[in-house]
Amino acid sequence: MGVPPVSLIIVNHDAGPMLADCIASSLDQAEEIIVVDNASSDNSLALLEARFPAESHIHLIRNRTNLGFAAACNIGLERARGDYLMFLNPDCLLELGCVARLVSAHKSYTDTGMVGGLLLNPSGTEQGGGRRAVPTPWRSFVRAFGLYSLSHRWPRLFFDFHLHEQPLPEQPIEVEAISGACMLVSRNALEDVGPLDAGYFLHCEDLDWCMRFRRKGWKILFVPDAKIIHYRGVCGLGKPIFVAWHKHRGMIRFYRKFFKHQYPGVLMWLVGLGVWLRFGATALYHLLHSASCKVGKRRG
């Protein structure tokens, strides 16, 4: 069996040695690999070029500024030539045969537009986000205030969107959303739905895309035997507040775009308040942690 007709698109920003490791795990699984670099300031590109000096099917695009994840993905799409387009985070390692399995599953189920695999923590446990329900304002309200604990009594009302806490299915299943860490789409579905919304800088662009795929009638599949080890957060290790800001800002954009006219204003206001309170708590935690680390170094 030959290499799947896949253009693999990797957006890099200061991923360090993980970028080259990611490509090493992907090298024989795609026809071409497109790396879109968002103005990295580390040695990730130098390590990549030193490790793969003569690989003609690795294409590198250098952005002068950090344009954000969605915009960089769209730049990669413009360059891609494959029948299938796959987005992969640089902090991911593909297990052998992962891409071929995703393509096979895509072909096997009618009306499928997007597929994703099983995201694993380095420990081997399933990571959240690989299969999930869309976090609607009500579901987010339920999660934020701990009401999901009532799901055993009223499962439809207090449904928890974290599907990774459910038993792992034996076969591919249709889900509402998968993770942007690993998404494979067909070209015909892409041409129907359009590229990612570059209005998101970081986070929630994957949820947005999943919503748009489903609204166009395309199915989204979770493929449990296509495995990816995800070292989550490598690219944002030095900028936790920056990442948290864009994550929470993206969630507000997502809610307003898809649910503003479906939910009462008071619920939307409460959800928005919850989002920003959560950001405030996250930012405070990181500031205090940073301060304590500095004090510890001085004492040491």
C-alpha atoms as a PDB file:
ATOM      1  CA  MET A   1       0.000   0.000   0.000  1.00  0.00           C
ATOM      2  CA  GLY A   2       1.388   3.404  -0.971  1.00  0.00           C
ATOM      3  CA  VAL A   3       1.544   6.637   0.932  1.00  0.00           C
ATOM      4  CA  PRO A   4      -1.949   8.136   1.469  1.00  0.00           C
ATOM      5  CA  PRO A   5      -2.739  11.189  -0.743  1.00  0.00           C
ATOM      6  CA  VAL A   6      -2.529  13.495   2.260  1.00  0.00           C
ATOM      7  CA  SER A   7      -1.085  16.968   2.666  1.00  0.00           C
ATOM      8  CA  LEU A   8      -0.032  17.250   6.296  1.00  0.00           C
ATOM      9  CA  ILE A   9      -0.074  20.823   7.626  1.00  0.00           C
ATOM     10  CA  ILE A  10       1.802  21.665  10.823  1.00  0.00           C
ATOM     11  CA  VAL A  11       1.686  25.147  12.348  1.00  0.00           C
ATOM     12  CA  ASN A  12       4.777  25.798  14.434  1.00  0.00           C
ATOM     13  CA  HIS A  13       5.589  28.420  17.031  1.00  0.00           C
ATOM     14  CA  ASP A  14       8.533  27.705  19.319  1.00  0.00           C
ATOM     15  CA  ALA A  15       7.919  23.952  19.531  1.00  0.00           C
ATOM     16  CA  GLY A  16      11.620  23.234  20.043  1.00  0.00           C
ATOM     17  CA  PRO A  17      12.790  19.693  19.268  1.00  0.00           C
ATOM     18  CA  MET A  18       9.191  18.423  19.254  1.00  0.00           C
ATOM     19  CA  LEU A  19       8.696  19.779  15.722  1.00  0.00           C
ATOM     20  CA  ALA A  20      11.365  17.508  14.246  1.00  0.00           C
ATOM     21  CA  ASP A  21      10.114  14.568  16.327  1.00  0.00           C
ATOM     22  CA  CYS A  22       6.572  15.176  15.054  1.00  0.00           C
ATOM     23  CA  ILE A  23       7.742  15.192  11.441  1.00  0.00           C
ATOM     24  CA  ALA A  24       9.843  12.075  11.986  1.00  0.00           C
ATOM     25  CA  SER A  25       6.691  10.234  13.080  1.00  0.00           C
ATOM     26  CA  SER A  26       4.808  11.580  10.032  1.00  0.00           C
ATOM     27  CA  LEU A  27       7.432  11.387   7.290  1.00  0.00           C
ATOM     28  CA  ASP A  28       6.294   8.135   5.675  1.00  0.00           C
ATOM     29  CA  GLN A  29       2.576   8.704   6.294  1.00  0.00           C
ATOM     30  CA  ALA A  30       1.804  11.626   3.953  1.00  0.00           C
ATOM     31  CA  GLU A  31       2.633  12.688   0.398  1.00  0.00           C
ATOM     32  CA  GLU A  32       3.735  16.135   1.519  1.00  0.00           C
ATOM     33  CA  ILE A  33       4.374  17.913   4.803  1.00  0.00           C
ATOM     34  CA  ILE A  34       3.853  21.661   4.997  1.00  0.00           C
ATOM     35  CA  VAL A  35       5.279  23.471   8.002  1.00  0.00           C
ATOM     36  CA  VAL A  36       3.904  26.974   8.520  1.00  0.00           C
ATOM     37  CA  ASP A  37       6.060  28.777  11.045  1.00  0.00           C
ATOM     38  CA  ASN A  38       4.531  31.647  13.002  1.00  0.00           C
ATOM     39  CA  ALA A  39       7.674  33.707  13.620  1.00  0.00           C
ATOM     40  CA  SER A  40       9.365  31.269  15.999  1.00  0.00           C
ATOM     41  CA  SER A  41      12.177  32.673  18.097  1.00  0.00           C
ATOM     42  CA  ASP A  42      13.600  29.338  19.261  1.00  0.00           C
ATOM     43  CA  ASN A  43      15.739  26.736  17.470  1.00  0.00           C
ATOM     44  CA  SER A  44      12.863  24.570  16.217  1.00  0.00           C
ATOM     45  CA  LEU A  45      13.428  25.361  12.522  1.00  0.00           C
ATOM     46  CA  ALA A  46      17.197  24.977  12.771  1.00  0.00           C
ATOM     47  CA  LEU A  47      16.746  21.555  14.381  1.00  0.00           C
ATOM     48  CA  LEU A  48      14.250  20.599  11.672  1.00  0.00           C
ATOM     49  CA  GLU A  49      16.541  21.589   8.805  1.00  0.00           C
ATOM     50  CA  ALA A  50      19.530  19.856  10.393  1.00  0.00           C
ATOM     51  CA  ARG A  51      17.604  16.630  10.880  1.00  0.00           C
ATOM     52  CA  PHE A  52      15.964  16.541   7.436  1.00  0.00           C
ATOM     53  CA  PRO A  53      18.309  18.422   5.070  1.00  0.00           C
ATOM     54  CA  ALA A  54      17.276  16.633   1.875  1.00  0.00           C
ATOM     55  CA  GLU A  55      13.578  15.790   2.237  1.00  0.00           C
ATOM     56  CA  SER A  56      11.971  17.271  -0.873  1.00  0.00           C
ATOM     57  CA  HIS A  57       8.403  16.711   0.314  1.00  0.00           C
ATOM     58  CA  ILE A  58       8.854  18.885   3.422  1.00  0.00           C
ATOM     59  CA  HIS A  59       7.896  22.467   2.581  1.00  0.00           C
ATOM     60  CA  LEU A  60       8.583  25.320   4.978  1.00  0.00           C
ATOM     61  CA  ILE A  61       6.666  28.595   4.995  1.00  0.00           C
ATOM     62  CA  ARG A  62       7.990  31.338   7.277  1.00  0.00           C
ATOM     63  CA  ASN A  63       5.609  34.016   8.506  1.00  0.00           C
ATOM     64  CA  ARG A  64       7.257  37.242   9.619  1.00  0.00           C
ATOM     65  CA  THR A  65       4.794  37.654  12.486  1.00  0.00           C
ATOM     66  CA  ASN A  66       2.642  35.332  14.560  1.00  0.00           C
ATOM     67  CA  LEU A  67      -0.599  35.353  12.585  1.00  0.00           C
ATOM     68  CA  GLY A  68      -2.399  32.916  14.857  1.00  0.00           C
ATOM     69  CA  PHE A  69      -3.227  29.250  14.386  1.00  0.00           C
ATOM     70  CA  ALA A  70      -6.236  29.494  12.056  1.00  0.00           C
ATOM     71  CA  ALA A  71      -4.646  32.026   9.697  1.00  0.00           C
ATOM     72  CA  ALA A  72      -1.473  29.929   9.480  1.00  0.00           C
ATOM     73  CA  CYS A  73      -3.514  26.786   8.768  1.00  0.00           C
ATOM     74  CA  ASN A  74      -5.221  28.590   5.904  1.00  0.00           C
ATOM     75  CA  ILE A  75      -1.838  29.566   4.460  1.00  0.00           C
ATOM     76  CA  GLY A  76      -0.915  25.882   4.514  1.00  0.00           C
ATOM     77  CA  LEU A  77      -4.200  25.012   2.791  1.00  0.00           C
ATOM     78  CA  GLU A  78      -3.364  27.329  -0.094  1.00  0.00           C
ATOM     79  CA  ARG A  79      -0.116  25.420  -0.662  1.00  0.00           C
ATOM     80  CA  ALA A  80      -1.522  21.909  -0.162  1.00  0.00           C
ATOM     81  CA  ARG A  81      -2.114  19.614  -3.123  1.00  0.00           C
ATOM     82  CA  GLY A  82      -3.418  16.406  -1.542  1.00  0.00           C
ATOM     83  CA  ASP A  83      -6.882  14.863  -1.829  1.00  0.00           C
ATOM     84  CA  TYR A  84      -6.985  14.977   1.962  1.00  0.00           C
ATOM     85  CA  LEU A  85      -5.766  17.778   4.212  1.00  0.00           C
ATOM     86  CA  MET A  86      -4.575  16.925   7.698  1.00  0.00           C
ATOM     87  CA  PHE A  87      -3.762  19.378  10.461  1.00  0.00           C
ATOM     88  CA  LEU A  88      -1.391  18.229  13.161  1.00  0.00           C
ATOM     89  CA  ASN A  89       0.043  20.054  16.158  1.00  0.00           C
ATOM     90  CA  PRO A  90       3.855  19.978  16.378  1.00  0.00           C
ATOM     91  CA  ASP A  91       3.631  18.496  19.872  1.00  0.00           C
ATOM     92  CA  CYS A  92       2.026  15.314  18.485  1.00  0.00           C
ATOM     93  CA  LEU A  93       3.605  11.983  17.550  1.00  0.00           C
ATOM     94  CA  LEU A  94       1.719   9.746  15.130  1.00  0.00           C
ATOM     95  CA  GLU A  95       1.718   6.031  15.716  1.00  0.00           C
ATOM     96  CA  LEU A  96       2.550   3.859  12.706  1.00  0.00           C
ATOM     97  CA  GLY A  97      -0.318   3.671  10.202  1.00  0.00           C
ATOM     98  CA  CYS A  98      -2.328   6.446  11.861  1.00  0.00           C
ATOM     99  CA  VAL A  99      -2.880   8.544   8.731  1.00  0.00           C
ATOM    100  CA  ALA A 100      -3.791   5.543   6.574  1.00  0.00           C
ATOM    101  CA  ARG A 101      -6.346   4.475   9.189  1.00  0.00           C
ATOM    102  CA  LEU A 102      -7.909   7.942   9.257  1.00  0.00           C
ATOM    103  CA  VAL A 103      -8.179   8.000   5.455  1.00  0.00           C
ATOM    104  CA  SER A 104      -9.643   4.493   5.429  1.00  0.00           C
ATOM    105  CA  ALA A 105     -12.295   5.444   7.973  1.00  0.00           C
ATOM    106  CA  HIS A 106     -13.099   8.582   6.003  1.00  0.00           C
ATOM    107  CA  LYS A 107     -13.693   6.528   2.868  1.00  0.00           C
ATOM    108  CA  SER A 108     -15.747   3.868   4.657  1.00  0.00           C
ATOM    109  CA  TYR A 109     -18.534   6.080   5.962  1.00  0.00           C
ATOM    110  CA  THR A 110     -20.784   8.083   3.664  1.00  0.00           C
ATOM    111  CA  ASP A 111     -21.095  11.855   4.008  1.00  0.00           C
ATOM    112  CA  THR A 112     -17.976  12.032   6.179  1.00  0.00           C
ATOM    113  CA  GLY A 113     -16.137  15.339   5.950  1.00  0.00           C
ATOM    114  CA  MET A 114     -13.768  15.227   8.905  1.00  0.00           C
ATOM    115  CA  VAL A 115     -12.091  12.555  11.053  1.00  0.00           C
ATOM    116  CA  GLY A 116      -9.882  12.577  14.119  1.00  0.00           C
ATOM    117  CA  GLY A 117      -8.019   9.967  16.095  1.00  0.00           C
ATOM    118  CA  LEU A 118      -7.436   8.910  19.684  1.00  0.00           C
ATOM    119  CA  LEU A 119      -5.361  11.529  21.482  1.00  0.00           C
ATOM    120  CA  LEU A 120      -3.212   9.981  24.175  1.00  0.00           C
ATOM    121  CA  ASN A 121      -1.301  11.518  27.033  1.00  0.00           C
ATOM    122  CA  PRO A 122       2.365  10.470  27.225  1.00  0.00           C
ATOM    123  CA  SER A 123       1.267   8.120  30.029  1.00  0.00           C
ATOM    124  CA  GLY A 124      -0.965   6.257  27.569  1.00  0.00           C
ATOM    125  CA  THR A 125      -4.290   7.455  28.986  1.00  0.00           C
ATOM    126  CA  GLU A 126      -6.903   9.057  26.759  1.00  0.00           C
ATOM    127  CA  GLN A 127      -6.689  12.835  26.581  1.00  0.00           C
ATOM    128  CA  GLY A 128      -9.708  15.074  26.658  1.00  0.00           C
ATOM    129  CA  GLY A 129     -10.790  16.783  23.429  1.00  0.00           C
ATOM    130  CA  GLY A 130     -10.257  14.017  20.900  1.00  0.00           C
ATOM    131  CA  ARG A 131     -13.963  13.210  21.014  1.00  0.00           C
ATOM    132  CA  ARG A 132     -16.398  15.677  22.459  1.00  0.00           C
ATOM    133  CA  ALA A 133     -19.770  17.276  22.251  1.00  0.00           C
ATOM    134  CA  VAL A 134     -20.006  20.946  21.362  1.00  0.00           C
ATOM    135  CA  PRO A 135     -19.806  23.030  24.569  1.00  0.00           C
ATOM    136  CA  THR A 136     -22.992  25.011  24.051  1.00  0.00           C
ATOM    137  CA  PRO A 137     -23.685  27.869  26.485  1.00  0.00           C
ATOM    138  CA  TRP A 138     -25.983  25.605  28.529  1.00  0.00           C
ATOM    139  CA  ARG A 139     -23.465  22.751  28.628  1.00  0.00           C
ATOM    140  CA  SER A 140     -20.734  25.172  29.634  1.00  0.00           C
ATOM    141  CA  PHE A 141     -22.995  26.581  32.357  1.00  0.00           C
ATOM    142  CA  VAL A 142     -23.603  23.029  33.607  1.00  0.00           C
ATOM    143  CA  ARG A 143     -19.870  22.295  33.610  1.00  0.00           C
ATOM    144  CA  ALA A 144     -18.830  25.577  35.221  1.00  0.00           C
ATOM    145  CA  PHE A 145     -21.218  25.205  38.143  1.00  0.00           C
ATOM    146  CA  GLY A 146     -20.713  21.469  38.675  1.00  0.00           C
ATOM    147  CA  LEU A 147     -24.230  20.521  37.631  1.00  0.00           C
ATOM    148  CA  TYR A 148     -22.879  17.632  35.519  1.00  0.00           C
ATOM    149  CA  SER A 149     -22.865  15.622  38.753  1.00  0.00           C
ATOM    150  CA  LEU A 150     -26.628  15.380  38.269  1.00  0.00           C
ATOM    151  CA  SER A 151     -26.236  13.709  34.859  1.00  0.00           C
ATOM    152  CA  HIS A 152     -26.830  10.229  36.323  1.00  0.00           C
ATOM    153  CA  ARG A 153     -30.367  11.337  37.232  1.00  0.00           C
ATOM    154  CA  TRP A 154     -31.132  13.673  34.323  1.00  0.00           C
ATOM    155  CA  PRO A 155     -28.610  12.758  31.586  1.00  0.00           C
ATOM    156  CA  ARG A 156     -30.179  14.812  28.805  1.00  0.00           C
ATOM    157  CA  LEU A 157     -30.513  17.977  30.872  1.00  0.00           C
ATOM    158  CA  PHE A 158     -27.125  17.875  32.610  1.00  0.00           C
ATOM    159  CA  PHE A 159     -25.090  16.217  29.872  1.00  0.00           C
ATOM    160  CA  ASP A 160     -21.306  16.485  30.218  1.00  0.00           C
ATOM    161  CA  PHE A 161     -19.488  17.256  26.955  1.00  0.00           C
ATOM    162  CA  HIS A 162     -16.263  15.494  28.060  1.00  0.00           C
ATOM    163  CA  LEU A 163     -16.805  12.258  26.121  1.00  0.00           C
ATOM    164  CA  HIS A 164     -13.342  10.867  26.922  1.00  0.00           C
ATOM    165  CA  GLU A 165     -14.718   9.916  30.325  1.00  0.00           C
ATOM    166  CA  GLN A 166     -17.024   7.427  28.589  1.00  0.00           C
ATOM    167  CA  PRO A 167     -15.869   3.910  27.540  1.00  0.00           C
ATOM    168  CA  LEU A 168     -13.735   3.866  24.398  1.00  0.00           C
ATOM    169  CA  PRO A 169     -15.752   2.639  21.387  1.00  0.00           C
ATOM    170  CA  GLU A 170     -14.504  -0.318  19.364  1.00  0.00           C
ATOM    171  CA  GLN A 171     -15.351   1.209  15.980  1.00  0.00           C
ATOM    172  CA  PRO A 172     -15.377   4.726  14.501  1.00  0.00           C
ATOM    173  CA  ILE A 173     -18.323   6.733  15.797  1.00  0.00           C
ATOM    174  CA  GLU A 174     -19.929   9.995  14.778  1.00  0.00           C
ATOM    175  CA  VAL A 175     -19.288  12.866  17.215  1.00  0.00           C
ATOM    176  CA  GLU A 176     -20.106  16.550  17.323  1.00  0.00           C
ATOM    177  CA  ALA A 177     -16.503  17.718  17.491  1.00  0.00           C
ATOM    178  CA  ILE A 178     -12.881  16.589  17.519  1.00  0.00           C
ATOM    179  CA  SER A 179      -9.650  18.351  18.447  1.00  0.00           C
ATOM    180  CA  GLY A 180      -7.692  20.730  16.227  1.00  0.00           C
ATOM    181  CA  ALA A 181      -4.555  18.903  17.377  1.00  0.00           C
ATOM    182  CA  CYS A 182      -5.337  16.286  14.704  1.00  0.00           C
ATOM    183  CA  MET A 183      -8.001  16.814  12.045  1.00  0.00           C
ATOM    184  CA  LEU A 184      -8.205  15.209   8.620  1.00  0.00           C
ATOM    185  CA  VAL A 185     -10.664  16.573   6.049  1.00  0.00           C
ATOM    186  CA  SER A 186     -11.422  15.728   2.441  1.00  0.00           C
ATOM    187  CA  ARG A 187     -10.844  18.314  -0.236  1.00  0.00           C
ATOM    188  CA  ASN A 188     -14.426  18.219  -1.500  1.00  0.00           C
ATOM    189  CA  ALA A 189     -15.743  18.861   2.031  1.00  0.00           C
ATOM    190  CA  LEU A 190     -13.230  21.680   2.471  1.00  0.00           C
ATOM    191  CA  GLU A 191     -14.362  23.321  -0.756  1.00  0.00           C
ATOM    192  CA  ASP A 192     -17.967  23.118   0.457  1.00  0.00           C
ATOM    193  CA  VAL A 193     -17.384  24.425   3.991  1.00  0.00           C
ATOM    194  CA  GLY A 194     -14.486  26.812   3.423  1.00  0.00           C
ATOM    195  CA  PRO A 195     -11.265  27.397   5.417  1.00  0.00           C
ATOM    196  CA  LEU A 196     -10.943  28.036   9.124  1.00  0.00           C
ATOM    197  CA  ASP A 197     -12.192  31.309  10.579  1.00  0.00           C
ATOM    198  CA  ALA A 198      -9.055  33.430  10.976  1.00  0.00           C
ATOM    199  CA  GLY A 199     -10.929  35.630  13.451  1.00  0.00           C
ATOM    200  CA  TYR A 200      -9.799  33.144  16.092  1.00  0.00           C
ATOM    201  CA  PHE A 201      -6.158  33.626  17.037  1.00  0.00           C
ATOM    202  CA  LEU A 202      -5.704  30.518  19.172  1.00  0.00           C
ATOM    203  CA  HIS A 203      -8.241  27.929  20.386  1.00  0.00           C
ATOM    204  CA  CYS A 204     -11.918  27.384  19.461  1.00  0.00           C
ATOM    205  CA  GLU A 205     -11.284  27.577  15.705  1.00  0.00           C
ATOM    206  CA  ASP A 206     -11.628  23.776  15.683  1.00  0.00           C
ATOM    207  CA  LEU A 207     -15.041  23.915  17.382  1.00  0.00           C
ATOM    208  CA  ASP A 208     -16.116  26.592  14.912  1.00  0.00           C
ATOM    209  CA  TRP A 209     -15.051  24.425  11.966  1.00  0.00           C
ATOM    210  CA  CYS A 210     -16.827  21.371  13.375  1.00  0.00           C
ATOM    211  CA  MET A 211     -20.025  23.388  13.742  1.00  0.00           C
ATOM    212  CA  ARG A 212     -19.782  24.576  10.142  1.00  0.00           C
ATOM    213  CA  PHE A 213     -19.082  21.079   8.820  1.00  0.00           C
ATOM    214  CA  ARG A 214     -22.129  19.664  10.584  1.00  0.00           C
ATOM    215  CA  ARG A 215     -24.357  22.540   9.460  1.00  0.00           C
ATOM    216  CA  LYS A 216     -23.393  21.696   5.871  1.00  0.00           C
ATOM    217  CA  GLY A 217     -24.412  18.075   6.417  1.00  0.00           C
ATOM    218  CA  TRP A 218     -20.940  16.545   6.783  1.00  0.00           C
ATOM    219  CA  LYS A 219     -20.324  13.898   9.431  1.00  0.00           C
ATOM    220  CA  ILE A 220     -17.421  14.052  11.883  1.00  0.00           C
ATOM    221  CA  LEU A 221     -15.883  10.742  12.962  1.00  0.00           C
ATOM    222  CA  PHE A 222     -13.767   9.748  15.926  1.00  0.00           C
ATOM    223  CA  VAL A 223     -11.484   6.823  15.014  1.00  0.00           C
ATOM    224  CA  PRO A 224     -10.333   5.009  18.182  1.00  0.00           C
ATOM    225  CA  ASP A 225      -7.611   2.884  16.573  1.00  0.00           C
ATOM    226  CA  ALA A 226      -5.796   5.844  14.963  1.00  0.00           C
ATOM    227  CA  LYS A 227      -3.508   6.844  17.825  1.00  0.00           C
ATOM    228  CA  ILE A 228      -1.660  10.099  18.434  1.00  0.00           C
ATOM    229  CA  ILE A 229       0.491  10.912  21.464  1.00  0.00           C
ATOM    230  CA  HIS A 230      -0.078  14.564  22.337  1.00  0.00           C
ATOM    231  CA  TYR A 231       2.403  16.445  24.513  1.00  0.00           C
ATOM    232  CA  ARG A 232      -0.153  19.161  25.130  1.00  0.00           C
ATOM    233  CA  GLY A 233       0.938  22.773  25.500  1.00  0.00           C
ATOM    234  CA  VAL A 234       4.543  22.593  24.289  1.00  0.00           C
ATOM    235  CA  CYS A 235       4.198  25.696  22.103  1.00  0.00           C
ATOM    236  CA  GLY A 236       2.682  27.801  24.883  1.00  0.00           C
ATOM    237  CA  LEU A 237       4.826  26.798  27.834  1.00  0.00           C
ATOM    238  CA  GLY A 238       6.431  30.213  28.218  1.00  0.00           C
ATOM    239  CA  LYS A 239       3.254  32.236  27.617  1.00  0.00           C
ATOM    240  CA  PRO A 240       0.472  30.761  29.774  1.00  0.00           C
ATOM    241  CA  ILE A 241      -1.455  34.023  30.264  1.00  0.00           C
ATOM    242  CA  PHE A 242      -1.183  34.889  26.550  1.00  0.00           C
ATOM    243  CA  VAL A 243      -2.562  31.459  25.654  1.00  0.00           C
ATOM    244  CA  ALA A 244      -5.317  31.659  28.287  1.00  0.00           C
ATOM    245  CA  TRP A 245      -6.382  35.123  27.044  1.00  0.00           C
ATOM    246  CA  HIS A 246      -6.834  33.940  23.474  1.00  0.00           C
ATOM    247  CA  LYS A 247      -8.524  30.718  24.581  1.00  0.00           C
ATOM    248  CA  HIS A 248     -11.175  32.556  26.576  1.00  0.00           C
ATOM    249  CA  ARG A 249     -11.525  35.289  23.951  1.00  0.00           C
ATOM    250  CA  GLY A 250     -12.053  32.574  21.342  1.00  0.00           C
ATOM    251  CA  MET A 251     -14.778  30.939  23.413  1.00  0.00           C
ATOM    252  CA  ILE A 252     -16.666  34.242  23.663  1.00  0.00           C
ATOM    253  CA  ARG A 253     -16.408  34.649  19.876  1.00  0.00           C
ATOM    254  CA  PHE A 254     -17.663  31.093  19.380  1.00  0.00           C
ATOM    255  CA  TYR A 255     -20.701  31.606  21.628  1.00  0.00           C
ATOM    256  CA  ARG A 256     -21.656  34.897  20.013  1.00  0.00           C
ATOM    257  CA  LYS A 257     -21.247  33.534  16.504  1.00  0.00           C
ATOM    258  CA  PHE A 258     -23.392  30.413  16.880  1.00  0.00           C
ATOM    259  CA  PHE A 259     -25.666  30.831  19.908  1.00  0.00           C
ATOM    260  CA  LYS A 260     -26.408  34.524  20.395  1.00  0.00           C
ATOM    261  CA  HIS A 261     -29.935  34.239  18.973  1.00  0.00           C
ATOM    262  CA  GLN A 262     -30.716  30.787  20.416  1.00  0.00           C
ATOM    263  CA  TYR A 263     -30.305  31.436  24.140  1.00  0.00           C
ATOM    264  CA  PRO A 264     -31.806  33.966  26.557  1.00  0.00           C
ATOM    265  CA  GLY A 265     -29.650  37.033  27.055  1.00  0.00           C
ATOM    266  CA  VAL A 266     -29.330  36.375  30.786  1.00  0.00           C
ATOM    267  CA  LEU A 267     -27.825  32.919  30.181  1.00  0.00           C
ATOM    268  CA  MET A 268     -25.412  34.308  27.599  1.00  0.00           C
ATOM    269  CA  TRP A 269     -24.430  37.011  30.096  1.00  0.00           C
ATOM    270  CA  LEU A 270     -23.847  34.445  32.858  1.00  0.00           C
ATOM    271  CA  VAL A 271     -21.782  32.241  30.569  1.00  0.00           C
ATOM    272  CA  GLY A 272     -19.720  35.223  29.426  1.00  0.00           C
ATOM    273  CA  LEU A 273     -19.174  36.227  33.039  1.00  0.00           C
ATOM    274  CA  GLY A 274     -18.108  32.679  33.856  1.00  0.00           C
ATOM    275  CA  VAL A 275     -15.628  32.669  30.973  1.00  0.00           C
ATOM    276  CA  TRP A 276     -13.929  35.879  32.087  1.00  0.00           C
ATOM    277  CA  LEU A 277     -13.954  34.906  35.758  1.00  0.00           C
ATOM    278  CA  ARG A 278     -12.253  31.693  34.772  1.00  0.00           C
ATOM    279  CA  PHE A 279      -9.668  33.634  32.780  1.00  0.00           C
ATOM    280  CA  GLY A 280      -9.066  35.914  35.763  1.00  0.00           C
ATOM    281  CA  ALA A 281      -8.529  32.936  38.050  1.00  0.00           C
ATOM    282  CA  THR A 282      -6.196  31.307  35.524  1.00  0.00           C
ATOM    283  CA  ALA A 283      -4.149  34.468  35.053  1.00  0.00           C
ATOM    284  CA  LEU A 284      -3.904  35.007  38.810  1.00  0.00           C
ATOM    285  CA  TYR A 285      -2.717  31.444  39.304  1.00  0.00           C
ATOM    286  CA  HIS A 286       0.051  31.831  36.741  1.00  0.00           C
ATOM    287  CA  LEU A 287       1.137  35.201  38.139  1.00  0.00           C
ATOM    288  CA  LEU A 288       1.367  33.794  41.665  1.00  0.00           C
ATOM    289  CA  HIS A 289       3.152  30.696  40.428  1.00  0.00           C
ATOM    290  CA  SER A 290       5.660  32.812  38.516  1.00  0.00           C
ATOM    291  CA  ALA A 291       6.249  35.021  41.550  1.00  0.00           C
ATOM    292  CA  SER A 292       6.798  32.029  43.843  1.00  0.00           C
ATOM    293  CA  CYS A 293       9.268  30.521  41.380  1.00  0.00           C
ATOM    294  CA  LYS A 294      11.262  33.760  41.312  1.00  0.00           C
ATOM    295  CA  VAL A 295      11.332  33.902  45.118  1.00  0.00           C
ATOM    296  CA  GLY A 296      12.464  30.285  45.221  1.00  0.00           C
ATOM    297  CA  LYS A 297      15.332  30.983  42.816  1.00  0.00           C
ATOM    298  CA  ARG A 298      16.494  33.956  44.881  1.00  0.00           C
ATOM    299  CA  ARG A 299      16.502  31.896  48.056  1.00  0.00           C
ATOM    300  CA  GLY A 300      18.332  29.096  46.259  1.00  0.00           C
END
